[in-house]
Amino acid sequence: MRIYRFRVLIDHPSEAFRDIEIGSEQNFLDFHKAIKEAFGFIGQEMACFYVSDEDWGKGNEIPLADMGFAEEGAVPAMMEEVYISDHIRSTSQRFIYAYDFLHMWMFMVELIHASDPQDGVTYPRLVMSMGNAPGEHSKEEELAADLMSEDPYTLEDEEHHYDDDDGYSEEDEDHNEFGHGSIDDLGEEYR
């Protein structure tokens, strides 16, 4: 068994990254769990890996579960069925990891080192942590703040035009408080 060290960078202004070592005979489900733990994500959201190229293009998908979106009739192999070694094609192999399809946390995953396993070490393991990772639900907070700042229905934006203490001007004398005329304004056929 070989040990692969991957640098996992979250696509976020924090630019936080983690280096994770994982065995060649471990599966992508193990890798999924290690990434979540390394970044402090504890939810049970859907996720997938994409085999990537040097330009970070998305290739074959390795999903956490079958979502029924098979391309060309071929159901992709699930994370628990695919070993890390199944997709190591070069010394700089890349993957894209997507977590939580509602908030779309994206991670760039790049192979940076390969070695033999160390005796007595359990893999996968976190070997380096740089930067503060964003909170798993921070995108919800940012979205809520943006929505509140752009709410067209806030009371602060309303304009009120009142001329006297009771809220009505002399021009409104022909109308009641609901903006309609009085019963006296109706014709004889409505009395």
C-alpha atoms as a PDB file:
ATOM      1  CA  MET A   1       0.000   0.000   0.000  1.00  0.00           C
ATOM      2  CA  ARG A   2       1.141   3.534  -0.836  1.00  0.00           C
ATOM      3  CA  ILE A   3       0.306   6.617   1.189  1.00  0.00           C
ATOM      4  CA  TYR A   4      -0.810   9.656  -0.765  1.00  0.00           C
ATOM      5  CA  ARG A   5      -0.652  13.149   0.677  1.00  0.00           C
ATOM      6  CA  PHE A   6      -3.256  15.477  -0.763  1.00  0.00           C
ATOM      7  CA  ARG A   7      -3.518  19.230  -0.309  1.00  0.00           C
ATOM      8  CA  VAL A   8      -7.202  20.142   0.076  1.00  0.00           C
ATOM      9  CA  LEU A   9      -7.957  23.838  -0.512  1.00  0.00           C
ATOM     10  CA  ILE A  10     -11.430  25.226   0.140  1.00  0.00           C
ATOM     11  CA  ASP A  11     -12.756  27.618  -2.508  1.00  0.00           C
ATOM     12  CA  HIS A  12     -13.354  30.503  -0.096  1.00  0.00           C
ATOM     13  CA  PRO A  13     -11.717  33.892   0.606  1.00  0.00           C
ATOM     14  CA  SER A  14     -10.088  32.375   3.723  1.00  0.00           C
ATOM     15  CA  GLU A  15      -7.898  30.229   1.427  1.00  0.00           C
ATOM     16  CA  ALA A  16      -7.714  27.655   4.215  1.00  0.00           C
ATOM     17  CA  PHE A  17      -6.179  24.326   3.299  1.00  0.00           C
ATOM     18  CA  ARG A  18      -5.446  20.993   4.887  1.00  0.00           C
ATOM     19  CA  ASP A  19      -2.934  18.269   4.005  1.00  0.00           C
ATOM     20  CA  ILE A  20      -4.422  14.814   4.411  1.00  0.00           C
ATOM     21  CA  GLU A  21      -2.659  11.478   4.023  1.00  0.00           C
ATOM     22  CA  ILE A  22      -4.684   8.476   2.903  1.00  0.00           C
ATOM     23  CA  GLY A  23      -3.814   4.942   1.837  1.00  0.00           C
ATOM     24  CA  SER A  24      -4.053   3.813  -1.768  1.00  0.00           C
ATOM     25  CA  GLU A  25      -6.347   0.948  -0.729  1.00  0.00           C
ATOM     26  CA  GLN A  26      -8.736   3.180   1.182  1.00  0.00           C
ATOM     27  CA  ASN A  27     -11.853   4.405  -0.545  1.00  0.00           C
ATOM     28  CA  PHE A  28     -13.269   7.805  -1.405  1.00  0.00           C
ATOM     29  CA  LEU A  29     -15.816   7.497   1.407  1.00  0.00           C
ATOM     30  CA  ASP A  30     -12.883   7.464   3.844  1.00  0.00           C
ATOM     31  CA  PHE A  31     -11.473  10.528   2.064  1.00  0.00           C
ATOM     32  CA  HIS A  32     -14.854  12.299   2.199  1.00  0.00           C
ATOM     33  CA  LYS A  33     -15.044  11.766   5.970  1.00  0.00           C
ATOM     34  CA  ALA A  34     -11.432  12.908   6.465  1.00  0.00           C
ATOM     35  CA  ILE A  35     -12.020  16.162   4.537  1.00  0.00           C
ATOM     36  CA  LYS A  36     -15.211  16.937   6.470  1.00  0.00           C
ATOM     37  CA  GLU A  37     -13.452  16.330   9.763  1.00  0.00           C
ATOM     38  CA  ALA A  38     -10.382  18.353   8.764  1.00  0.00           C
ATOM     39  CA  PHE A  39     -12.547  21.386   7.943  1.00  0.00           C
ATOM     40  CA  GLY A  40     -14.904  20.948  10.903  1.00  0.00           C
ATOM     41  CA  PHE A  41     -17.980  20.125   8.828  1.00  0.00           C
ATOM     42  CA  ILE A  42     -20.333  17.849  10.755  1.00  0.00           C
ATOM     43  CA  GLY A  43     -23.479  17.762   8.588  1.00  0.00           C
ATOM     44  CA  GLN A  44     -24.730  14.792   6.601  1.00  0.00           C
ATOM     45  CA  GLU A  45     -25.013  16.600   3.273  1.00  0.00           C
ATOM     46  CA  MET A  46     -24.615  15.053  -0.166  1.00  0.00           C
ATOM     47  CA  ALA A  47     -21.166  15.175  -1.691  1.00  0.00           C
ATOM     48  CA  CYS A  48     -19.126  13.920  -4.625  1.00  0.00           C
ATOM     49  CA  PHE A  49     -15.634  13.853  -6.033  1.00  0.00           C
ATOM     50  CA  TYR A  50     -14.768  14.590  -9.635  1.00  0.00           C
ATOM     51  CA  VAL A  51     -11.609  13.232 -11.208  1.00  0.00           C
ATOM     52  CA  SER A  52      -9.923  16.381 -12.493  1.00  0.00           C
ATOM     53  CA  ASP A  53      -7.256  17.456 -14.949  1.00  0.00           C
ATOM     54  CA  GLU A  54      -4.484  20.075 -14.755  1.00  0.00           C
ATOM     55  CA  ASP A  55      -7.001  22.852 -15.511  1.00  0.00           C
ATOM     56  CA  TRP A  56      -9.393  21.727 -12.751  1.00  0.00           C
ATOM     57  CA  GLY A  57     -11.951  20.467 -15.274  1.00  0.00           C
ATOM     58  CA  LYS A  58     -14.565  18.038 -13.968  1.00  0.00           C
ATOM     59  CA  GLY A  59     -14.169  14.489 -15.208  1.00  0.00           C
ATOM     60  CA  ASN A  60     -15.756  11.271 -13.931  1.00  0.00           C
ATOM     61  CA  GLU A  61     -17.986  11.684 -10.901  1.00  0.00           C
ATOM     62  CA  ILE A  62     -17.634   9.623  -7.730  1.00  0.00           C
ATOM     63  CA  PRO A  63     -20.819  10.356  -5.720  1.00  0.00           C
ATOM     64  CA  LEU A  64     -21.612   9.637  -2.095  1.00  0.00           C
ATOM     65  CA  ALA A  65     -24.958   8.082  -3.102  1.00  0.00           C
ATOM     66  CA  ASP A  66     -26.876   7.354  -6.277  1.00  0.00           C
ATOM     67  CA  MET A  67     -28.945  10.442  -7.015  1.00  0.00           C
ATOM     68  CA  GLY A  68     -30.451   8.966 -10.184  1.00  0.00           C
ATOM     69  CA  PHE A  69     -28.602  11.337 -12.530  1.00  0.00           C
ATOM     70  CA  ALA A  70     -26.627   8.716 -14.443  1.00  0.00           C
ATOM     71  CA  GLU A  71     -25.032  10.039 -17.622  1.00  0.00           C
ATOM     72  CA  GLU A  72     -25.617   7.991 -20.776  1.00  0.00           C
ATOM     73  CA  GLY A  73     -27.276   5.250 -18.727  1.00  0.00           C
ATOM     74  CA  ALA A  74     -24.121   4.424 -16.746  1.00  0.00           C
ATOM     75  CA  VAL A  75     -24.518   4.627 -12.974  1.00  0.00           C
ATOM     76  CA  PRO A  76     -21.248   5.917 -11.487  1.00  0.00           C
ATOM     77  CA  ALA A  77     -19.502   3.853  -8.814  1.00  0.00           C
ATOM     78  CA  MET A  78     -20.170   5.190  -5.309  1.00  0.00           C
ATOM     79  CA  MET A  79     -17.473   6.520  -2.969  1.00  0.00           C
ATOM     80  CA  GLU A  80     -17.502   3.355  -0.870  1.00  0.00           C
ATOM     81  CA  GLU A  81     -16.805   1.249  -3.984  1.00  0.00           C
ATOM     82  CA  VAL A  82     -13.890   3.246  -5.427  1.00  0.00           C
ATOM     83  CA  TYR A  83     -10.337   3.040  -4.079  1.00  0.00           C
ATOM     84  CA  ILE A  84      -8.024   6.033  -4.126  1.00  0.00           C
ATOM     85  CA  SER A  85      -5.546   4.051  -6.262  1.00  0.00           C
ATOM     86  CA  ASP A  86      -8.242   3.548  -8.932  1.00  0.00           C
ATOM     87  CA  HIS A  87      -7.830   7.177 -10.028  1.00  0.00           C
ATOM     88  CA  ILE A  88      -4.152   7.995  -9.505  1.00  0.00           C
ATOM     89  CA  ARG A  89      -2.893   8.652 -13.031  1.00  0.00           C
ATOM     90  CA  SER A  90       0.000  11.062 -12.382  1.00  0.00           C
ATOM     91  CA  THR A  91       2.204  12.445  -9.639  1.00  0.00           C
ATOM     92  CA  SER A  92       0.073  15.586  -9.582  1.00  0.00           C
ATOM     93  CA  GLN A  93      -3.378  13.950  -9.753  1.00  0.00           C
ATOM     94  CA  ARG A  94      -6.240  16.330  -8.995  1.00  0.00           C
ATOM     95  CA  PHE A  95      -9.797  15.940  -7.799  1.00  0.00           C
ATOM     96  CA  ILE A  96     -12.616  18.360  -7.124  1.00  0.00           C
ATOM     97  CA  TYR A  97     -14.666  17.667  -4.018  1.00  0.00           C
ATOM     98  CA  ALA A  98     -18.164  19.173  -3.769  1.00  0.00           C
ATOM     99  CA  TYR A  99     -19.975  19.135  -0.425  1.00  0.00           C
ATOM    100  CA  ASP A 100     -23.550  20.257   0.330  1.00  0.00           C
ATOM    101  CA  PHE A 101     -25.216  20.802  -3.036  1.00  0.00           C
ATOM    102  CA  LEU A 102     -27.413  23.586  -1.643  1.00  0.00           C
ATOM    103  CA  HIS A 103     -24.505  25.757  -0.466  1.00  0.00           C
ATOM    104  CA  MET A 104     -21.938  24.245  -2.876  1.00  0.00           C
ATOM    105  CA  TRP A 105     -18.779  24.063  -0.855  1.00  0.00           C
ATOM    106  CA  MET A 106     -16.032  23.340  -3.395  1.00  0.00           C
ATOM    107  CA  PHE A 107     -12.569  22.002  -2.639  1.00  0.00           C
ATOM    108  CA  MET A 108      -9.542  21.607  -4.899  1.00  0.00           C
ATOM    109  CA  VAL A 109      -7.681  18.400  -4.039  1.00  0.00           C
ATOM    110  CA  GLU A 110      -4.161  17.854  -5.371  1.00  0.00           C
ATOM    111  CA  LEU A 111      -1.712  15.001  -4.847  1.00  0.00           C
ATOM    112  CA  ILE A 112       1.516  16.505  -3.484  1.00  0.00           C
ATOM    113  CA  HIS A 113       3.457  13.481  -2.201  1.00  0.00           C
ATOM    114  CA  ALA A 114       3.528   9.674  -2.145  1.00  0.00           C
ATOM    115  CA  SER A 115       5.378   7.476   0.332  1.00  0.00           C
ATOM    116  CA  ASP A 116       5.341   4.177   2.176  1.00  0.00           C
ATOM    117  CA  PRO A 117       3.125   3.883   5.266  1.00  0.00           C
ATOM    118  CA  GLN A 118       4.603   4.530   8.686  1.00  0.00           C
ATOM    119  CA  ASP A 119       4.354   1.753  11.274  1.00  0.00           C
ATOM    120  CA  GLY A 120       1.669   2.313  13.879  1.00  0.00           C
ATOM    121  CA  VAL A 121      -0.007   5.210  12.027  1.00  0.00           C
ATOM    122  CA  THR A 122      -3.731   5.143  11.252  1.00  0.00           C
ATOM    123  CA  TYR A 123      -4.837   6.557   7.902  1.00  0.00           C
ATOM    124  CA  PRO A 124      -6.415   8.765   6.743  1.00  0.00           C
ATOM    125  CA  ARG A 125      -4.856  11.438   8.911  1.00  0.00           C
ATOM    126  CA  LEU A 126      -4.536  15.200   8.957  1.00  0.00           C
ATOM    127  CA  VAL A 127      -0.866  16.194   8.735  1.00  0.00           C
ATOM    128  CA  MET A 128      -1.080  19.969   8.236  1.00  0.00           C
ATOM    129  CA  SER A 129      -3.691  22.665   8.766  1.00  0.00           C
ATOM    130  CA  MET A 130      -3.331  26.233   7.440  1.00  0.00           C
ATOM    131  CA  GLY A 131      -5.844  29.048   7.863  1.00  0.00           C
ATOM    132  CA  ASN A 132      -9.188  29.215   9.586  1.00  0.00           C
ATOM    133  CA  ALA A 133     -11.842  27.284   7.738  1.00  0.00           C
ATOM    134  CA  PRO A 134     -15.222  28.973   7.325  1.00  0.00           C
ATOM    135  CA  GLY A 135     -18.113  27.628   9.354  1.00  0.00           C
ATOM    136  CA  GLU A 136     -20.188  25.004   7.586  1.00  0.00           C
ATOM    137  CA  HIS A 137     -23.295  27.226   7.839  1.00  0.00           C
ATOM    138  CA  SER A 138     -21.546  30.541   7.165  1.00  0.00           C
ATOM    139  CA  LYS A 139     -22.956  30.690   3.635  1.00  0.00           C
ATOM    140  CA  GLU A 140     -26.479  30.702   5.116  1.00  0.00           C
ATOM    141  CA  GLU A 141     -25.534  33.635   7.358  1.00  0.00           C
ATOM    142  CA  GLU A 142     -24.006  35.541   4.426  1.00  0.00           C
ATOM    143  CA  LEU A 143     -27.068  34.851   2.267  1.00  0.00           C
ATOM    144  CA  ALA A 144     -29.443  35.967   5.017  1.00  0.00           C
ATOM    145  CA  ALA A 145     -27.442  39.173   5.559  1.00  0.00           C
ATOM    146  CA  ASP A 146     -27.523  39.906   1.815  1.00  0.00           C
ATOM    147  CA  LEU A 147     -31.267  39.301   1.629  1.00  0.00           C
ATOM    148  CA  MET A 148     -31.978  41.534   4.606  1.00  0.00           C
ATOM    149  CA  SER A 149     -29.875  44.365   3.209  1.00  0.00           C
ATOM    150  CA  GLU A 150     -31.724  44.202  -0.122  1.00  0.00           C
ATOM    151  CA  ASP A 151     -35.286  43.687   1.193  1.00  0.00           C
ATOM    152  CA  PRO A 152     -37.577  45.950  -0.853  1.00  0.00           C
ATOM    153  CA  TYR A 153     -40.343  45.603   1.747  1.00  0.00           C
ATOM    154  CA  THR A 154     -38.616  47.149   4.723  1.00  0.00           C
ATOM    155  CA  LEU A 155     -40.548  49.874   6.516  1.00  0.00           C
ATOM    156  CA  GLU A 156     -37.617  52.266   6.269  1.00  0.00           C
ATOM    157  CA  ASP A 157     -38.109  52.580   2.523  1.00  0.00           C
ATOM    158  CA  GLU A 158     -41.802  53.513   2.689  1.00  0.00           C
ATOM    159  CA  GLU A 159     -42.843  57.103   2.151  1.00  0.00           C
ATOM    160  CA  HIS A 160     -45.781  58.518   4.096  1.00  0.00           C
ATOM    161  CA  HIS A 161     -47.472  61.822   3.255  1.00  0.00           C
ATOM    162  CA  TYR A 162     -49.559  63.156   6.107  1.00  0.00           C
ATOM    163  CA  ASP A 163     -50.513  66.801   6.413  1.00  0.00           C
ATOM    164  CA  ASP A 164     -52.205  67.000   9.806  1.00  0.00           C
ATOM    165  CA  ASP A 165     -52.438  65.101  13.066  1.00  0.00           C
ATOM    166  CA  ASP A 166     -55.147  62.664  12.003  1.00  0.00           C
ATOM    167  CA  GLY A 167     -53.178  61.559   8.930  1.00  0.00           C
ATOM    168  CA  TYR A 168     -55.450  63.072   6.298  1.00  0.00           C
ATOM    169  CA  SER A 169     -55.236  66.257   4.291  1.00  0.00           C
ATOM    170  CA  GLU A 170     -58.130  68.460   3.284  1.00  0.00           C
ATOM    171  CA  GLU A 171     -57.966  66.911  -0.178  1.00  0.00           C
ATOM    172  CA  ASP A 172     -59.045  63.608   1.385  1.00  0.00           C
ATOM    173  CA  GLU A 173     -62.347  64.911   2.795  1.00  0.00           C
ATOM    174  CA  ASP A 174     -64.373  62.963   0.223  1.00  0.00           C
ATOM    175  CA  HIS A 175     -62.823  59.673   1.351  1.00  0.00           C
ATOM    176  CA  ASN A 176     -63.045  57.629   4.516  1.00  0.00           C
ATOM    177  CA  GLU A 177     -60.066  56.088   6.310  1.00  0.00           C
ATOM    178  CA  PHE A 178     -59.945  53.238   3.789  1.00  0.00           C
ATOM    179  CA  GLY A 179     -59.654  55.582   0.828  1.00  0.00           C
ATOM    180  CA  HIS A 180     -63.269  55.179  -0.265  1.00  0.00           C
ATOM    181  CA  GLY A 181     -66.124  57.673  -0.387  1.00  0.00           C
ATOM    182  CA  SER A 182     -68.962  57.577   2.125  1.00  0.00           C
ATOM    183  CA  ILE A 183     -72.314  55.848   1.728  1.00  0.00           C
ATOM    184  CA  ASP A 184     -73.778  59.251   0.940  1.00  0.00           C
ATOM    185  CA  ASP A 185     -71.764  59.307  -2.282  1.00  0.00           C
ATOM    186  CA  LEU A 186     -73.617  56.243  -3.637  1.00  0.00           C
ATOM    187  CA  GLY A 187     -76.547  56.630  -5.966  1.00  0.00           C
ATOM    188  CA  GLU A 188     -80.179  55.990  -4.983  1.00  0.00           C
ATOM    189  CA  GLU A 189     -80.065  52.419  -6.362  1.00  0.00           C
ATOM    190  CA  TYR A 190     -77.584  51.358  -3.633  1.00  0.00           C
ATOM    191  CA  ARG A 191     -79.541  52.701  -0.627  1.00  0.00           C
END
